mmCIF file of all heavy atoms, coordinates in Angstrom:
data_MODEL
# 
_entry.id   MODEL 
# 
loop_
_atom_site.group_PDB 
_atom_site.id 
_atom_site.type_symbol 
_atom_site.label_atom_id 
_atom_site.label_alt_id 
_atom_site.label_comp_id 
_atom_site.label_asym_id 
_atom_site.label_entity_id 
_atom_site.label_seq_id 
_atom_site.pdbx_PDB_ins_code 
_atom_site.Cartn_x 
_atom_site.Cartn_y 
_atom_site.Cartn_z 
_atom_site.occupancy 
_atom_site.B_iso_or_equiv 
_atom_site.pdbx_formal_charge 
_atom_site.auth_seq_id 
_atom_site.auth_comp_id 
_atom_site.auth_asym_id 
_atom_site.auth_atom_id 
_atom_site.pdbx_PDB_model_num 
ATOM 1   N N   . ALA A 1 1  ? 8.226   21.688 64.650 1.00 0.00 ? 1  ALA A N   1 
ATOM 2   C CA  . ALA A 1 1  ? 8.355   21.059 63.333 1.00 0.00 ? 1  ALA A CA  1 
ATOM 3   C C   . ALA A 1 1  ? 7.020   20.433 62.984 1.00 0.00 ? 1  ALA A C   1 
ATOM 4   O O   . ALA A 1 1  ? 6.121   20.316 63.822 1.00 0.00 ? 1  ALA A O   1 
ATOM 5   C CB  . ALA A 1 1  ? 9.469   20.008 63.339 1.00 0.00 ? 1  ALA A CB  1 
ATOM 6   N N   . GLY A 1 2  ? 6.906   20.042 61.736 1.00 0.00 ? 2  GLY A N   1 
ATOM 7   C CA  . GLY A 1 2  ? 5.664   19.413 61.319 1.00 0.00 ? 2  GLY A CA  1 
ATOM 8   C C   . GLY A 1 2  ? 5.701   19.040 59.859 1.00 0.00 ? 2  GLY A C   1 
ATOM 9   O O   . GLY A 1 2  ? 6.761   19.052 59.216 1.00 0.00 ? 2  GLY A O   1 
ATOM 10  N N   . GLU A 1 3  ? 4.533   18.692 59.356 1.00 0.00 ? 3  GLU A N   1 
ATOM 11  C CA  . GLU A 1 3  ? 4.423   18.256 57.966 1.00 0.00 ? 3  GLU A CA  1 
ATOM 12  C C   . GLU A 1 3  ? 3.138   18.822 57.378 1.00 0.00 ? 3  GLU A C   1 
ATOM 13  O O   . GLU A 1 3  ? 2.082   18.806 58.018 1.00 0.00 ? 3  GLU A O   1 
ATOM 14  C CB  . GLU A 1 3  ? 4.402   16.731 57.900 1.00 0.00 ? 3  GLU A CB  1 
ATOM 15  C CG  . GLU A 1 3  ? 4.425   16.167 56.486 1.00 0.00 ? 3  GLU A CG  1 
ATOM 16  C CD  . GLU A 1 3  ? 4.565   14.651 56.498 1.00 0.00 ? 3  GLU A CD  1 
ATOM 17  O OE1 . GLU A 1 3  ? 4.421   14.052 57.572 1.00 0.00 ? 3  GLU A OE1 1 
ATOM 18  O OE2 . GLU A 1 3  ? 4.810   14.082 55.416 1.00 0.00 ? 3  GLU A OE2 1 
ATOM 19  N N   . ALA A 1 4  ? 3.247   19.364 56.183 1.00 0.00 ? 4  ALA A N   1 
ATOM 20  C CA  . ALA A 1 4  ? 2.067   19.820 55.447 1.00 0.00 ? 4  ALA A CA  1 
ATOM 21  C C   . ALA A 1 4  ? 1.778   18.822 54.345 1.00 0.00 ? 4  ALA A C   1 
ATOM 22  O O   . ALA A 1 4  ? 2.696   18.378 53.636 1.00 0.00 ? 4  ALA A O   1 
ATOM 23  C CB  . ALA A 1 4  ? 2.313   21.204 54.860 1.00 0.00 ? 4  ALA A CB  1 
ATOM 24  N N   . LEU A 1 5  ? 0.509   18.459 54.193 1.00 0.00 ? 5  LEU A N   1 
ATOM 25  C CA  . LEU A 1 5  ? 0.098   17.474 53.197 1.00 0.00 ? 5  LEU A CA  1 
ATOM 26  C C   . LEU A 1 5  ? -1.021  18.052 52.360 1.00 0.00 ? 5  LEU A C   1 
ATOM 27  O O   . LEU A 1 5  ? -2.043  18.519 52.883 1.00 0.00 ? 5  LEU A O   1 
ATOM 28  C CB  . LEU A 1 5  ? -0.391  16.204 53.891 1.00 0.00 ? 5  LEU A CB  1 
ATOM 29  C CG  . LEU A 1 5  ? 0.666   15.414 54.663 1.00 0.00 ? 5  LEU A CG  1 
ATOM 30  C CD1 . LEU A 1 5  ? 0.045   14.738 55.860 1.00 0.00 ? 5  LEU A CD1 1 
ATOM 31  C CD2 . LEU A 1 5  ? 1.340   14.387 53.767 1.00 0.00 ? 5  LEU A CD2 1 
ATOM 32  N N   . LEU A 1 6  ? -0.827  18.040 51.050 1.00 0.00 ? 6  LEU A N   1 
ATOM 33  C CA  . LEU A 1 6  ? -1.876  18.483 50.138 1.00 0.00 ? 6  LEU A CA  1 
ATOM 34  C C   . LEU A 1 6  ? -2.500  17.246 49.505 1.00 0.00 ? 6  LEU A C   1 
ATOM 35  O O   . LEU A 1 6  ? -1.809  16.435 48.888 1.00 0.00 ? 6  LEU A O   1 
ATOM 36  C CB  . LEU A 1 6  ? -1.302  19.405 49.064 1.00 0.00 ? 6  LEU A CB  1 
ATOM 37  C CG  . LEU A 1 6  ? -2.344  20.122 48.191 1.00 0.00 ? 6  LEU A CG  1 
ATOM 38  C CD1 . LEU A 1 6  ? -3.207  21.044 49.034 1.00 0.00 ? 6  LEU A CD1 1 
ATOM 39  C CD2 . LEU A 1 6  ? -1.662  20.909 47.077 1.00 0.00 ? 6  LEU A CD2 1 
ATOM 40  N N   . VAL A 1 7  ? -3.814  17.080 49.678 1.00 0.00 ? 7  VAL A N   1 
ATOM 41  C CA  . VAL A 1 7  ? -4.537  15.924 49.155 1.00 0.00 ? 7  VAL A CA  1 
ATOM 42  C C   . VAL A 1 7  ? -5.232  16.351 47.865 1.00 0.00 ? 7  VAL A C   1 
ATOM 43  O O   . VAL A 1 7  ? -6.101  17.221 47.874 1.00 0.00 ? 7  VAL A O   1 
ATOM 44  C CB  . VAL A 1 7  ? -5.577  15.430 50.180 1.00 0.00 ? 7  VAL A CB  1 
ATOM 45  C CG1 . VAL A 1 7  ? -6.236  14.143 49.680 1.00 0.00 ? 7  VAL A CG1 1 
ATOM 46  C CG2 . VAL A 1 7  ? -4.936  15.212 51.548 1.00 0.00 ? 7  VAL A CG2 1 
ATOM 47  N N   . ILE A 1 8  ? -4.832  15.742 46.743 1.00 0.00 ? 8  ILE A N   1 
ATOM 48  C CA  . ILE A 1 8  ? -5.305  16.155 45.421 1.00 0.00 ? 8  ILE A CA  1 
ATOM 49  C C   . ILE A 1 8  ? -5.890  14.959 44.684 1.00 0.00 ? 8  ILE A C   1 
ATOM 50  O O   . ILE A 1 8  ? -5.251  13.896 44.596 1.00 0.00 ? 8  ILE A O   1 
ATOM 51  C CB  . ILE A 1 8  ? -4.155  16.743 44.570 1.00 0.00 ? 8  ILE A CB  1 
ATOM 52  C CG1 . ILE A 1 8  ? -3.403  17.831 45.329 1.00 0.00 ? 8  ILE A CG1 1 
ATOM 53  C CG2 . ILE A 1 8  ? -4.683  17.290 43.247 1.00 0.00 ? 8  ILE A CG2 1 
ATOM 54  C CD1 . ILE A 1 8  ? -2.128  18.273 44.633 1.00 0.00 ? 8  ILE A CD1 1 
ATOM 55  N N   . LYS A 1 9  ? -7.061  15.124 44.116 1.00 0.00 ? 9  LYS A N   1 
ATOM 56  C CA  . LYS A 1 9  ? -7.668  14.062 43.319 1.00 0.00 ? 9  LYS A CA  1 
ATOM 57  C C   . LYS A 1 9  ? -7.083  14.098 41.907 1.00 0.00 ? 9  LYS A C   1 
ATOM 58  O O   . LYS A 1 9  ? -7.177  15.103 41.203 1.00 0.00 ? 9  LYS A O   1 
ATOM 59  C CB  . LYS A 1 9  ? -9.185  14.230 43.260 1.00 0.00 ? 9  LYS A CB  1 
ATOM 60  C CG  . LYS A 1 9  ? -9.916  13.014 42.718 1.00 0.00 ? 9  LYS A CG  1 
ATOM 61  C CD  . LYS A 1 9  ? -11.412 13.122 42.923 1.00 0.00 ? 9  LYS A CD  1 
ATOM 62  C CE  . LYS A 1 9  ? -12.107 11.821 42.524 1.00 0.00 ? 9  LYS A CE  1 
ATOM 63  N NZ  . LYS A 1 9  ? -13.560 11.864 42.759 1.00 0.00 ? 9  LYS A NZ  1 
ATOM 64  N N   . ARG A 1 10 ? -6.486  12.995 41.502 1.00 0.00 ? 10 ARG A N   1 
ATOM 65  C CA  . ARG A 1 10 ? -5.793  12.967 40.208 1.00 0.00 ? 10 ARG A CA  1 
ATOM 66  C C   . ARG A 1 10 ? -6.726  13.266 39.036 1.00 0.00 ? 10 ARG A C   1 
ATOM 67  O O   . ARG A 1 10 ? -6.347  13.956 38.095 1.00 0.00 ? 10 ARG A O   1 
ATOM 68  C CB  . ARG A 1 10 ? -5.128  11.593 39.997 1.00 0.00 ? 10 ARG A CB  1 
ATOM 69  C CG  . ARG A 1 10 ? -3.943  11.354 40.904 1.00 0.00 ? 10 ARG A CG  1 
ATOM 70  C CD  . ARG A 1 10 ? -3.182  10.104 40.503 1.00 0.00 ? 10 ARG A CD  1 
ATOM 71  N NE  . ARG A 1 10 ? -3.972  8.896  40.719 1.00 0.00 ? 10 ARG A NE  1 
ATOM 72  C CZ  . ARG A 1 10 ? -4.053  8.238  41.861 1.00 0.00 ? 10 ARG A CZ  1 
ATOM 73  N NH1 . ARG A 1 10 ? -3.413  8.689  42.929 1.00 0.00 ? 10 ARG A NH1 1 
ATOM 74  N NH2 . ARG A 1 10 ? -4.773  7.145  41.978 1.00 0.00 ? 10 ARG A NH2 1 
ATOM 75  N N   . SER A 1 11 ? -7.944  12.746 39.102 1.00 0.00 ? 11 SER A N   1 
ATOM 76  C CA  . SER A 1 11 ? -8.864  12.935 37.974 1.00 0.00 ? 11 SER A CA  1 
ATOM 77  C C   . SER A 1 11 ? -9.300  14.391 37.816 1.00 0.00 ? 11 SER A C   1 
ATOM 78  O O   . SER A 1 11 ? -9.872  14.759 36.796 1.00 0.00 ? 11 SER A O   1 
ATOM 79  C CB  . SER A 1 11 ? -10.098 12.041 38.147 1.00 0.00 ? 11 SER A CB  1 
ATOM 80  O OG  . SER A 1 11 ? -10.756 12.318 39.368 1.00 0.00 ? 11 SER A OG  1 
ATOM 81  N N   . ASN A 1 12 ? -9.037  15.229 38.831 1.00 0.00 ? 12 ASN A N   1 
ATOM 82  C CA  . ASN A 1 12 ? -9.392  16.649 38.746 1.00 0.00 ? 12 ASN A CA  1 
ATOM 83  C C   . ASN A 1 12 ? -8.265  17.521 38.220 1.00 0.00 ? 12 ASN A C   1 
ATOM 84  O O   . ASN A 1 12 ? -8.450  18.724 38.026 1.00 0.00 ? 12 ASN A O   1 
ATOM 85  C CB  . ASN A 1 12 ? -9.817  17.181 40.121 1.00 0.00 ? 12 ASN A CB  1 
ATOM 86  C CG  . ASN A 1 12 ? -11.218 16.750 40.499 1.00 0.00 ? 12 ASN A CG  1 
ATOM 87  O OD1 . ASN A 1 12 ? -11.959 16.237 39.658 1.00 0.00 ? 12 ASN A OD1 1 
ATOM 88  N ND2 . ASN A 1 12 ? -11.584 16.928 41.748 1.00 0.00 ? 12 ASN A ND2 1 
ATOM 89  N N   . LEU A 1 13 ? -7.109  16.918 38.003 1.00 0.00 ? 13 LEU A N   1 
ATOM 90  C CA  . LEU A 1 13 ? -5.962  17.715 37.575 1.00 0.00 ? 13 LEU A CA  1 
ATOM 91  C C   . LEU A 1 13 ? -6.141  18.286 36.167 1.00 0.00 ? 13 LEU A C   1 
ATOM 92  O O   . LEU A 1 13 ? -5.525  19.286 35.816 1.00 0.00 ? 13 LEU A O   1 
ATOM 93  C CB  . LEU A 1 13 ? -4.683  16.884 37.652 1.00 0.00 ? 13 LEU A CB  1 
ATOM 94  C CG  . LEU A 1 13 ? -4.153  16.630 39.070 1.00 0.00 ? 13 LEU A CG  1 
ATOM 95  C CD1 . LEU A 1 13 ? -2.997  15.660 39.033 1.00 0.00 ? 13 LEU A CD1 1 
ATOM 96  C CD2 . LEU A 1 13 ? -3.731  17.942 39.727 1.00 0.00 ? 13 LEU A CD2 1 
ATOM 97  N N   . GLU A 1 14 ? -6.971  17.656 35.362 1.00 0.00 ? 14 GLU A N   1 
ATOM 98  C CA  . GLU A 1 14 ? -7.223  18.182 34.023 1.00 0.00 ? 14 GLU A CA  1 
ATOM 99  C C   . GLU A 1 14 ? -7.836  19.582 34.098 1.00 0.00 ? 14 GLU A C   1 
ATOM 100 O O   . GLU A 1 14 ? -7.545  20.447 33.268 1.00 0.00 ? 14 GLU A O   1 
ATOM 101 C CB  . GLU A 1 14 ? -8.143  17.245 33.251 1.00 0.00 ? 14 GLU A CB  1 
ATOM 102 C CG  . GLU A 1 14 ? -8.291  17.618 31.777 1.00 0.00 ? 14 GLU A CG  1 
ATOM 103 C CD  . GLU A 1 14 ? -9.050  16.566 30.981 1.00 0.00 ? 14 GLU A CD  1 
ATOM 104 O OE1 . GLU A 1 14 ? -9.294  15.469 31.525 1.00 0.00 ? 14 GLU A OE1 1 
ATOM 105 O OE2 . GLU A 1 14 ? -9.395  16.849 29.830 1.00 0.00 ? 14 GLU A OE2 1 
ATOM 106 N N   . THR A 1 15 ? -8.681  19.812 35.110 1.00 0.00 ? 15 THR A N   1 
ATOM 107 C CA  . THR A 1 15 ? -9.266  21.140 35.317 1.00 0.00 ? 15 THR A CA  1 
ATOM 108 C C   . THR A 1 15 ? -8.184  22.165 35.591 1.00 0.00 ? 15 THR A C   1 
ATOM 109 O O   . THR A 1 15 ? -8.201  23.277 35.055 1.00 0.00 ? 15 THR A O   1 
ATOM 110 C CB  . THR A 1 15 ? -10.249 21.105 36.506 1.00 0.00 ? 15 THR A CB  1 
ATOM 111 O OG1 . THR A 1 15 ? -11.314 20.209 36.210 1.00 0.00 ? 15 THR A OG1 1 
ATOM 112 C CG2 . THR A 1 15 ? -10.815 22.484 36.790 1.00 0.00 ? 15 THR A CG2 1 
ATOM 113 N N   . ILE A 1 16 ? -7.214  21.796 36.432 1.00 0.00 ? 16 ILE A N   1 
ATOM 114 C CA  . ILE A 1 16 ? -6.114  22.714 36.761 1.00 0.00 ? 16 ILE A CA  1 
ATOM 115 C C   . ILE A 1 16 ? -5.259  22.986 35.535 1.00 0.00 ? 16 ILE A C   1 
ATOM 116 O O   . ILE A 1 16 ? -4.821  24.113 35.297 1.00 0.00 ? 16 ILE A O   1 
ATOM 117 C CB  . ILE A 1 16 ? -5.255  22.120 37.899 1.00 0.00 ? 16 ILE A CB  1 
ATOM 118 C CG1 . ILE A 1 16 ? -6.120  21.902 39.144 1.00 0.00 ? 16 ILE A CG1 1 
ATOM 119 C CG2 . ILE A 1 16 ? -4.084  23.031 38.221 1.00 0.00 ? 16 ILE A CG2 1 
ATOM 120 C CD1 . ILE A 1 16 ? -6.815  23.141 39.652 1.00 0.00 ? 16 ILE A CD1 1 
ATOM 121 N N   . ALA A 1 17 ? -5.026  21.946 34.728 1.00 0.00 ? 17 ALA A N   1 
ATOM 122 C CA  . ALA A 1 17 ? -4.241  22.134 33.504 1.00 0.00 ? 17 ALA A CA  1 
ATOM 123 C C   . ALA A 1 17 ? -4.899  23.151 32.580 1.00 0.00 ? 17 ALA A C   1 
ATOM 124 O O   . ALA A 1 17 ? -4.237  24.007 31.995 1.00 0.00 ? 17 ALA A O   1 
ATOM 125 C CB  . ALA A 1 17 ? -4.056  20.798 32.789 1.00 0.00 ? 17 ALA A CB  1 
ATOM 126 N N   . LYS A 1 18 ? -6.207  23.082 32.453 1.00 0.00 ? 18 LYS A N   1 
ATOM 127 C CA  . LYS A 1 18 ? -6.935  24.037 31.595 1.00 0.00 ? 18 LYS A CA  1 
ATOM 128 C C   . LYS A 1 18 ? -6.851  25.448 32.160 1.00 0.00 ? 18 LYS A C   1 
ATOM 129 O O   . LYS A 1 18 ? -6.627  26.417 31.424 1.00 0.00 ? 18 LYS A O   1 
ATOM 130 C CB  . LYS A 1 18 ? -8.388  23.605 31.452 1.00 0.00 ? 18 LYS A CB  1 
ATOM 131 C CG  . LYS A 1 18 ? -8.584  22.340 30.620 1.00 0.00 ? 18 LYS A CG  1 
ATOM 132 C CD  . LYS A 1 18 ? -10.059 21.937 30.566 1.00 0.00 ? 18 LYS A CD  1 
ATOM 133 C CE  . LYS A 1 18 ? -10.243 20.666 29.745 1.00 0.00 ? 18 LYS A CE  1 
ATOM 134 N NZ  . LYS A 1 18 ? -11.667 20.203 29.735 1.00 0.00 ? 18 LYS A NZ  1 
ATOM 135 N N   . LEU A 1 19 ? -7.013  25.578 33.480 1.00 0.00 ? 19 LEU A N   1 
ATOM 136 C CA  . LEU A 1 19 ? -6.952  26.904 34.095 1.00 0.00 ? 19 LEU A CA  1 
ATOM 137 C C   . LEU A 1 19 ? -5.560  27.520 33.972 1.00 0.00 ? 19 LEU A C   1 
ATOM 138 O O   . LEU A 1 19 ? -5.418  28.742 33.857 1.00 0.00 ? 19 LEU A O   1 
ATOM 139 C CB  . LEU A 1 19 ? -7.352  26.812 35.574 1.00 0.00 ? 19 LEU A CB  1 
ATOM 140 C CG  . LEU A 1 19 ? -8.828  26.527 35.851 1.00 0.00 ? 19 LEU A CG  1 
ATOM 141 C CD1 . LEU A 1 19 ? -9.056  26.229 37.322 1.00 0.00 ? 19 LEU A CD1 1 
ATOM 142 C CD2 . LEU A 1 19 ? -9.695  27.705 35.402 1.00 0.00 ? 19 LEU A CD2 1 
ATOM 143 N N   . MET A 1 20 ? -4.528  26.675 33.997 1.00 0.00 ? 20 MET A N   1 
ATOM 144 C CA  . MET A 1 20 ? -3.160  27.165 33.877 1.00 0.00 ? 20 MET A CA  1 
ATOM 145 C C   . MET A 1 20 ? -2.679  27.185 32.429 1.00 0.00 ? 20 MET A C   1 
ATOM 146 O O   . MET A 1 20 ? -1.530  27.547 32.158 1.00 0.00 ? 20 MET A O   1 
ATOM 147 C CB  . MET A 1 20 ? -2.221  26.294 34.730 1.00 0.00 ? 20 MET A CB  1 
ATOM 148 C CG  . MET A 1 20 ? -2.490  26.383 36.228 1.00 0.00 ? 20 MET A CG  1 
ATOM 149 S SD  . MET A 1 20 ? -1.387  25.337 37.209 1.00 0.00 ? 20 MET A SD  1 
ATOM 150 C CE  . MET A 1 20 ? 0.201   26.157 36.934 1.00 0.00 ? 20 MET A CE  1 
ATOM 151 N N   . ASP A 1 21 ? -3.575  26.776 31.507 1.00 0.00 ? 21 ASP A N   1 
ATOM 152 C CA  . ASP A 1 21 ? -3.272  26.753 30.086 1.00 0.00 ? 21 ASP A CA  1 
ATOM 153 C C   . ASP A 1 21 ? -2.009  25.929 29.803 1.00 0.00 ? 21 ASP A C   1 
ATOM 154 O O   . ASP A 1 21 ? -1.123  26.346 29.052 1.00 0.00 ? 21 ASP A O   1 
ATOM 155 C CB  . ASP A 1 21 ? -3.094  28.180 29.543 1.00 0.00 ? 21 ASP A CB  1 
ATOM 156 C CG  . ASP A 1 21 ? -3.158  28.230 28.017 1.00 0.00 ? 21 ASP A CG  1 
ATOM 157 O OD1 . ASP A 1 21 ? -3.792  27.330 27.432 1.00 0.00 ? 21 ASP A OD1 1 
ATOM 158 O OD2 . ASP A 1 21 ? -2.577  29.152 27.418 1.00 0.00 ? 21 ASP A OD2 1 
ATOM 159 N N   . MET A 1 22 ? -1.947  24.743 30.421 1.00 0.00 ? 22 MET A N   1 
ATOM 160 C CA  . MET A 1 22 ? -0.811  23.846 30.231 1.00 0.00 ? 22 MET A CA  1 
ATOM 161 C C   . MET A 1 22 ? -1.211  22.753 29.253 1.00 0.00 ? 22 MET A C   1 
ATOM 162 O O   . MET A 1 22 ? -2.235  22.090 29.430 1.00 0.00 ? 22 MET A O   1 
ATOM 163 C CB  . MET A 1 22 ? -0.360  23.256 31.563 1.00 0.00 ? 22 MET A CB  1 
ATOM 164 C CG  . MET A 1 22 ? 0.204   24.303 32.508 1.00 0.00 ? 22 MET A CG  1 
ATOM 165 S SD  . MET A 1 22 ? 0.697   23.625 34.122 1.00 0.00 ? 22 MET A SD  1 
ATOM 166 C CE  . MET A 1 22 ? 2.078   22.564 33.659 1.00 0.00 ? 22 MET A CE  1 
ATOM 167 N N   . GLN A 1 23 ? -0.394  22.550 28.235 1.00 0.00 ? 23 GLN A N   1 
ATOM 168 C CA  . GLN A 1 23 ? -0.679  21.582 27.178 1.00 0.00 ? 23 GLN A CA  1 
ATOM 169 C C   . GLN A 1 23 ? 0.158   20.325 27.374 1.00 0.00 ? 23 GLN A C   1 
ATOM 170 O O   . GLN A 1 23 ? 1.263   20.365 27.918 1.00 0.00 ? 23 GLN A O   1 
ATOM 171 C CB  . GLN A 1 23 ? -0.369  22.198 25.805 1.00 0.00 ? 23 GLN A CB  1 
ATOM 172 C CG  . GLN A 1 23 ? -1.023  23.548 25.556 1.00 0.00 ? 23 GLN A CG  1 
ATOM 173 C CD  . GLN A 1 23 ? -2.528  23.467 25.542 1.00 0.00 ? 23 GLN A CD  1 
ATOM 174 O OE1 . GLN A 1 23 ? -3.102  22.489 25.065 1.00 0.00 ? 23 GLN A OE1 1 
ATOM 175 N NE2 . GLN A 1 23 ? -3.189  24.503 26.065 1.00 0.00 ? 23 GLN A NE2 1 
ATOM 176 N N   . GLY A 1 24 ? -0.366  19.196 26.908 1.00 0.00 ? 24 GLY A N   1 
ATOM 177 C CA  . GLY A 1 24 ? 0.395   17.952 26.962 1.00 0.00 ? 24 GLY A CA  1 
ATOM 178 C C   . GLY A 1 24 ? -0.425  16.811 27.526 1.00 0.00 ? 24 GLY A C   1 
ATOM 179 O O   . GLY A 1 24 ? -1.582  16.978 27.906 1.00 0.00 ? 24 GLY A O   1 
ATOM 180 N N   . GLN A 1 25 ? 0.173   15.620 27.564 1.00 0.00 ? 25 GLN A N   1 
ATOM 181 C CA  . GLN A 1 25 ? -0.499  14.442 28.108 1.00 0.00 ? 25 GLN A CA  1 
ATOM 182 C C   . GLN A 1 25 ? -0.589  14.560 29.630 1.00 0.00 ? 25 GLN A C   1 
ATOM 183 O O   . GLN A 1 25 ? 0.369   14.942 30.291 1.00 0.00 ? 25 GLN A O   1 
ATOM 184 C CB  . GLN A 1 25 ? 0.294   13.179 27.739 1.00 0.00 ? 25 GLN A CB  1 
ATOM 185 C CG  . GLN A 1 25 ? 0.331   12.904 26.249 1.00 0.00 ? 25 GLN A CG  1 
ATOM 186 C CD  . GLN A 1 25 ? -1.052  12.596 25.688 1.00 0.00 ? 25 GLN A CD  1 
ATOM 187 O OE1 . GLN A 1 25 ? -1.847  11.881 26.322 1.00 0.00 ? 25 GLN A OE1 1 
ATOM 188 N NE2 . GLN A 1 25 ? -1.358  13.126 24.519 1.00 0.00 ? 25 GLN A NE2 1 
# 
């Protein structure tokens, strides 16, 4: 057993939103 952890910088999520073409606040 184990645990997977994804470490994501919140201020970089806007880049992902643009790449995924996701609109909104």
